[in-house]
Amino acid sequence: MFEHELKESKEKHVEIKDTDSNTFLEMLRFFYTGQVEKMADKCMKLYTLADIYMVDNLKLLCVRSLPQYVNMENALEMYCFGKQNEIQELVKRAEQVMVT
Protein backbone atom coordinates (compact mmCIF):
# COMPACT_ATOMS: atom_id res chain seq x y z
CA MET A 1 0.00 0.00 0.00
CA PHE A 2 2.79 2.44 0.89
CA GLU A 3 5.13 1.38 -1.94
CA HIS A 4 3.09 2.67 -4.86
CA GLU A 5 1.84 6.08 -5.89
CA LEU A 6 -1.28 5.98 -3.76
CA LYS A 7 -2.76 8.64 -1.56
CA GLU A 8 -1.73 6.69 1.56
CA SER A 9 1.93 6.55 0.52
CA LYS A 10 2.06 10.30 -0.01
CA GLU A 11 0.23 11.24 3.15
CA LYS A 12 1.77 8.52 5.34
CA HIS A 13 -1.52 7.55 6.96
CA VAL A 14 -4.53 5.39 6.24
CA GLU A 15 -8.06 6.59 6.94
CA ILE A 16 -10.35 3.87 8.29
CA LYS A 17 -13.98 4.79 7.68
CA ASP A 18 -15.59 1.50 8.71
CA THR A 19 -15.67 2.22 12.44
CA ASP A 20 -14.72 4.59 15.22
CA SER A 21 -11.16 4.73 16.54
CA ASN A 22 -11.94 3.04 19.87
CA THR A 23 -13.44 -0.02 18.20
CA PHE A 24 -10.54 -0.29 15.77
CA LEU A 25 -8.03 0.01 18.61
CA GLU A 26 -9.87 -2.74 20.47
CA MET A 27 -9.58 -4.97 17.42
CA LEU A 28 -5.84 -4.26 17.31
CA ARG A 29 -5.60 -5.08 21.01
CA PHE A 30 -7.34 -8.37 20.26
CA PHE A 31 -4.74 -9.16 17.58
CA TYR A 32 -1.96 -8.81 20.13
CA THR A 33 -3.58 -10.20 23.28
CA GLY A 34 -6.48 -12.40 22.16
CA GLN A 35 -8.70 -10.53 24.62
CA VAL A 36 -11.24 -7.70 24.57
CA GLU A 37 -11.64 -5.22 27.41
CA LYS A 38 -15.18 -4.27 28.46
CA MET A 39 -16.77 -6.60 25.92
CA ALA A 40 -20.33 -5.64 26.87
CA ASP A 41 -19.84 -2.08 25.62
CA LYS A 42 -18.26 -3.03 22.30
CA CYS A 43 -19.49 -6.44 21.27
CA MET A 44 -21.84 -5.48 18.43
CA LYS A 45 -19.43 -2.96 16.93
CA LEU A 46 -16.56 -5.43 17.20
CA TYR A 47 -18.61 -8.18 15.57
CA THR A 48 -19.41 -5.87 12.65
CA LEU A 49 -15.79 -4.81 12.25
CA ALA A 50 -14.56 -8.41 12.53
CA ASP A 51 -17.04 -9.37 9.84
CA ILE A 52 -15.79 -6.62 7.51
CA TYR A 53 -12.14 -7.56 8.01
CA MET A 54 -12.82 -11.34 8.16
CA VAL A 55 -11.39 -11.84 11.65
CA ASP A 56 -13.23 -15.06 12.36
CA ASN A 57 -11.81 -15.70 15.83
CA LEU A 58 -12.99 -12.25 16.99
CA LYS A 59 -16.40 -12.85 15.44
CA LEU A 60 -16.65 -16.14 17.29
CA LEU A 61 -15.71 -14.49 20.59
CA CYS A 62 -18.44 -11.90 20.02
CA VAL A 63 -21.03 -14.55 19.06
CA ARG A 64 -20.28 -16.45 22.26
CA SER A 65 -20.38 -13.29 24.39
CA LEU A 66 -23.39 -11.42 23.01
CA PRO A 67 -26.20 -13.54 24.55
CA GLN A 68 -24.99 -12.88 28.10
CA TYR A 69 -25.40 -9.12 27.62
CA VAL A 70 -29.08 -9.20 26.65
CA ASN A 71 -31.35 -7.37 29.08
CA MET A 72 -34.76 -5.66 29.00
CA GLU A 73 -33.25 -2.36 27.83
CA ASN A 74 -31.44 -3.79 24.81
CA ALA A 75 -33.38 -6.97 23.97
CA LEU A 76 -35.04 -5.56 20.86
CA GLU A 77 -31.78 -4.13 19.53
CA MET A 78 -29.98 -7.42 20.22
CA TYR A 79 -32.82 -9.37 18.59
CA CYS A 80 -32.58 -7.26 15.42
CA PHE A 81 -28.79 -7.52 15.40
CA GLY A 82 -28.99 -11.28 15.83
CA LYS A 83 -31.53 -11.63 12.99
CA GLN A 84 -29.52 -9.38 10.69
CA ASN A 85 -26.31 -11.31 11.31
CA GLU A 86 -27.90 -14.76 11.62
CA ILE A 87 -26.74 -15.28 15.22
CA GLN A 88 -29.40 -17.74 16.33
CA GLU A 89 -28.30 -18.01 19.98
CA LEU A 90 -28.58 -14.23 20.32
CA VAL A 91 -32.03 -14.19 18.71
CA LYS A 92 -33.19 -16.96 21.03
CA ARG A 93 -31.87 -15.21 24.16
CA ALA A 94 -33.39 -11.86 23.14
CA GLU A 95 -36.77 -13.56 22.58
CA GLN A 96 -36.56 -15.13 26.03
CA VAL A 97 -35.89 -11.76 27.65
CA MET A 98 -38.65 -9.99 25.73
CA VAL A 99 -41.24 -12.62 26.66
CA THR A 100 -40.53 -12.50 30.38
C-alpha atoms as a PDB file:
ATOM      1  CA  MET A   1       0.000   0.000   0.000  1.00  0.00           C
ATOM      2  CA  PHE A   2       2.793   2.436   0.891  1.00  0.00           C
ATOM      3  CA  GLU A   3       5.130   1.381  -1.942  1.00  0.00           C
ATOM      4  CA  HIS A   4       3.085   2.667  -4.863  1.00  0.00           C
ATOM      5  CA  GLU A   5       1.841   6.084  -5.893  1.00  0.00           C
ATOM      6  CA  LEU A   6      -1.277   5.976  -3.765  1.00  0.00           C
ATOM      7  CA  LYS A   7      -2.762   8.640  -1.557  1.00  0.00           C
ATOM      8  CA  GLU A   8      -1.733   6.695   1.564  1.00  0.00           C
ATOM      9  CA  SER A   9       1.930   6.546   0.522  1.00  0.00           C
ATOM     10  CA  LYS A  10       2.058  10.301  -0.014  1.00  0.00           C
ATOM     11  CA  GLU A  11       0.226  11.243   3.155  1.00  0.00           C
ATOM     12  CA  LYS A  12       1.772   8.525   5.345  1.00  0.00           C
ATOM     13  CA  HIS A  13      -1.520   7.554   6.962  1.00  0.00           C
ATOM     14  CA  VAL A  14      -4.527   5.395   6.242  1.00  0.00           C
ATOM     15  CA  GLU A  15      -8.061   6.585   6.939  1.00  0.00           C
ATOM     16  CA  ILE A  16     -10.347   3.866   8.293  1.00  0.00           C
ATOM     17  CA  LYS A  17     -13.981   4.793   7.681  1.00  0.00           C
ATOM     18  CA  ASP A  18     -15.594   1.502   8.712  1.00  0.00           C
ATOM     19  CA  THR A  19     -15.668   2.225  12.436  1.00  0.00           C
ATOM     20  CA  ASP A  20     -14.721   4.587  15.225  1.00  0.00           C
ATOM     21  CA  SER A  21     -11.156   4.729  16.535  1.00  0.00           C
ATOM     22  CA  ASN A  22     -11.940   3.038  19.871  1.00  0.00           C
ATOM     23  CA  THR A  23     -13.442  -0.020  18.203  1.00  0.00           C
ATOM     24  CA  PHE A  24     -10.541  -0.292  15.766  1.00  0.00           C
ATOM     25  CA  LEU A  25      -8.031   0.013  18.606  1.00  0.00           C
ATOM     26  CA  GLU A  26      -9.873  -2.736  20.474  1.00  0.00           C
ATOM     27  CA  MET A  27      -9.578  -4.974  17.421  1.00  0.00           C
ATOM     28  CA  LEU A  28      -5.837  -4.255  17.305  1.00  0.00           C
ATOM     29  CA  ARG A  29      -5.598  -5.083  21.011  1.00  0.00           C
ATOM     30  CA  PHE A  30      -7.343  -8.371  20.256  1.00  0.00           C
ATOM     31  CA  PHE A  31      -4.742  -9.156  17.578  1.00  0.00           C
ATOM     32  CA  TYR A  32      -1.960  -8.813  20.134  1.00  0.00           C
ATOM     33  CA  THR A  33      -3.584 -10.203  23.284  1.00  0.00           C
ATOM     34  CA  GLY A  34      -6.476 -12.398  22.158  1.00  0.00           C
ATOM     35  CA  GLN A  35      -8.699 -10.533  24.616  1.00  0.00           C
ATOM     36  CA  VAL A  36     -11.236  -7.703  24.571  1.00  0.00           C
ATOM     37  CA  GLU A  37     -11.637  -5.219  27.410  1.00  0.00           C
ATOM     38  CA  LYS A  38     -15.181  -4.271  28.458  1.00  0.00           C
ATOM     39  CA  MET A  39     -16.769  -6.600  25.916  1.00  0.00           C
ATOM     40  CA  ALA A  40     -20.325  -5.640  26.867  1.00  0.00           C
ATOM     41  CA  ASP A  41     -19.843  -2.085  25.621  1.00  0.00           C
ATOM     42  CA  LYS A  42     -18.257  -3.027  22.297  1.00  0.00           C
ATOM     43  CA  CYS A  43     -19.488  -6.444  21.275  1.00  0.00           C
ATOM     44  CA  MET A  44     -21.844  -5.482  18.432  1.00  0.00           C
ATOM     45  CA  LYS A  45     -19.426  -2.959  16.934  1.00  0.00           C
ATOM     46  CA  LEU A  46     -16.558  -5.435  17.204  1.00  0.00           C
ATOM     47  CA  TYR A  47     -18.605  -8.176  15.572  1.00  0.00           C
ATOM     48  CA  THR A  48     -19.414  -5.871  12.651  1.00  0.00           C
ATOM     49  CA  LEU A  49     -15.787  -4.811  12.254  1.00  0.00           C
ATOM     50  CA  ALA A  50     -14.556  -8.406  12.530  1.00  0.00           C
ATOM     51  CA  ASP A  51     -17.041  -9.369   9.836  1.00  0.00           C
ATOM     52  CA  ILE A  52     -15.791  -6.617   7.507  1.00  0.00           C
ATOM     53  CA  TYR A  53     -12.135  -7.564   8.008  1.00  0.00           C
ATOM     54  CA  MET A  54     -12.820 -11.338   8.157  1.00  0.00           C
ATOM     55  CA  VAL A  55     -11.394 -11.835  11.649  1.00  0.00           C
ATOM     56  CA  ASP A  56     -13.227 -15.065  12.359  1.00  0.00           C
ATOM     57  CA  ASN A  57     -11.811 -15.697  15.832  1.00  0.00           C
ATOM     58  CA  LEU A  58     -12.989 -12.250  16.994  1.00  0.00           C
ATOM     59  CA  LYS A  59     -16.404 -12.850  15.439  1.00  0.00           C
ATOM     60  CA  LEU A  60     -16.648 -16.141  17.290  1.00  0.00           C
ATOM     61  CA  LEU A  61     -15.712 -14.488  20.585  1.00  0.00           C
ATOM     62  CA  CYS A  62     -18.443 -11.904  20.019  1.00  0.00           C
ATOM     63  CA  VAL A  63     -21.030 -14.547  19.063  1.00  0.00           C
ATOM     64  CA  ARG A  64     -20.275 -16.448  22.256  1.00  0.00           C
ATOM     65  CA  SER A  65     -20.379 -13.294  24.386  1.00  0.00           C
ATOM     66  CA  LEU A  66     -23.390 -11.416  23.015  1.00  0.00           C
ATOM     67  CA  PRO A  67     -26.198 -13.539  24.550  1.00  0.00           C
ATOM     68  CA  GLN A  68     -24.994 -12.880  28.097  1.00  0.00           C
ATOM     69  CA  TYR A  69     -25.396  -9.123  27.619  1.00  0.00           C
ATOM     70  CA  VAL A  70     -29.082  -9.197  26.645  1.00  0.00           C
ATOM     71  CA  ASN A  71     -31.353  -7.369  29.084  1.00  0.00           C
ATOM     72  CA  MET A  72     -34.755  -5.659  29.003  1.00  0.00           C
ATOM     73  CA  GLU A  73     -33.251  -2.365  27.835  1.00  0.00           C
ATOM     74  CA  ASN A  74     -31.442  -3.789  24.809  1.00  0.00           C
ATOM     75  CA  ALA A  75     -33.383  -6.966  23.973  1.00  0.00           C
ATOM     76  CA  LEU A  76     -35.042  -5.562  20.858  1.00  0.00           C
ATOM     77  CA  GLU A  77     -31.783  -4.133  19.528  1.00  0.00           C
ATOM     78  CA  MET A  78     -29.984  -7.422  20.222  1.00  0.00           C
ATOM     79  CA  TYR A  79     -32.819  -9.369  18.590  1.00  0.00           C
ATOM     80  CA  CYS A  80     -32.583  -7.263  15.422  1.00  0.00           C
ATOM     81  CA  PHE A  81     -28.790  -7.518  15.402  1.00  0.00           C
ATOM     82  CA  GLY A  82     -28.994 -11.280  15.827  1.00  0.00           C
ATOM     83  CA  LYS A  83     -31.527 -11.628  12.994  1.00  0.00           C
ATOM     84  CA  GLN A  84     -29.525  -9.375  10.689  1.00  0.00           C
ATOM     85  CA  ASN A  85     -26.310 -11.311  11.311  1.00  0.00           C
ATOM     86  CA  GLU A  86     -27.896 -14.762  11.623  1.00  0.00           C
ATOM     87  CA  ILE A  87     -26.741 -15.279  15.221  1.00  0.00           C
ATOM     88  CA  GLN A  88     -29.396 -17.744  16.332  1.00  0.00           C
ATOM     89  CA  GLU A  89     -28.301 -18.008  19.975  1.00  0.00           C
ATOM     90  CA  LEU A  90     -28.578 -14.231  20.319  1.00  0.00           C
ATOM     91  CA  VAL A  91     -32.028 -14.192  18.706  1.00  0.00           C
ATOM     92  CA  LYS A  92     -33.194 -16.958  21.030  1.00  0.00           C
ATOM     93  CA  ARG A  93     -31.866 -15.209  24.162  1.00  0.00           C
ATOM     94  CA  ALA A  94     -33.392 -11.864  23.139  1.00  0.00           C
ATOM     95  CA  GLU A  95     -36.766 -13.561  22.577  1.00  0.00           C
ATOM     96  CA  GLN A  96     -36.562 -15.128  26.029  1.00  0.00           C
ATOM     97  CA  VAL A  97     -35.888 -11.762  27.654  1.00  0.00           C
ATOM     98  CA  MET A  98     -38.645  -9.995  25.732  1.00  0.00           C
ATOM     99  CA  VAL A  99     -41.244 -12.625  26.657  1.00  0.00           C
ATOM    100  CA  THR A 100     -40.532 -12.499  30.382  1.00  0.00           C
END
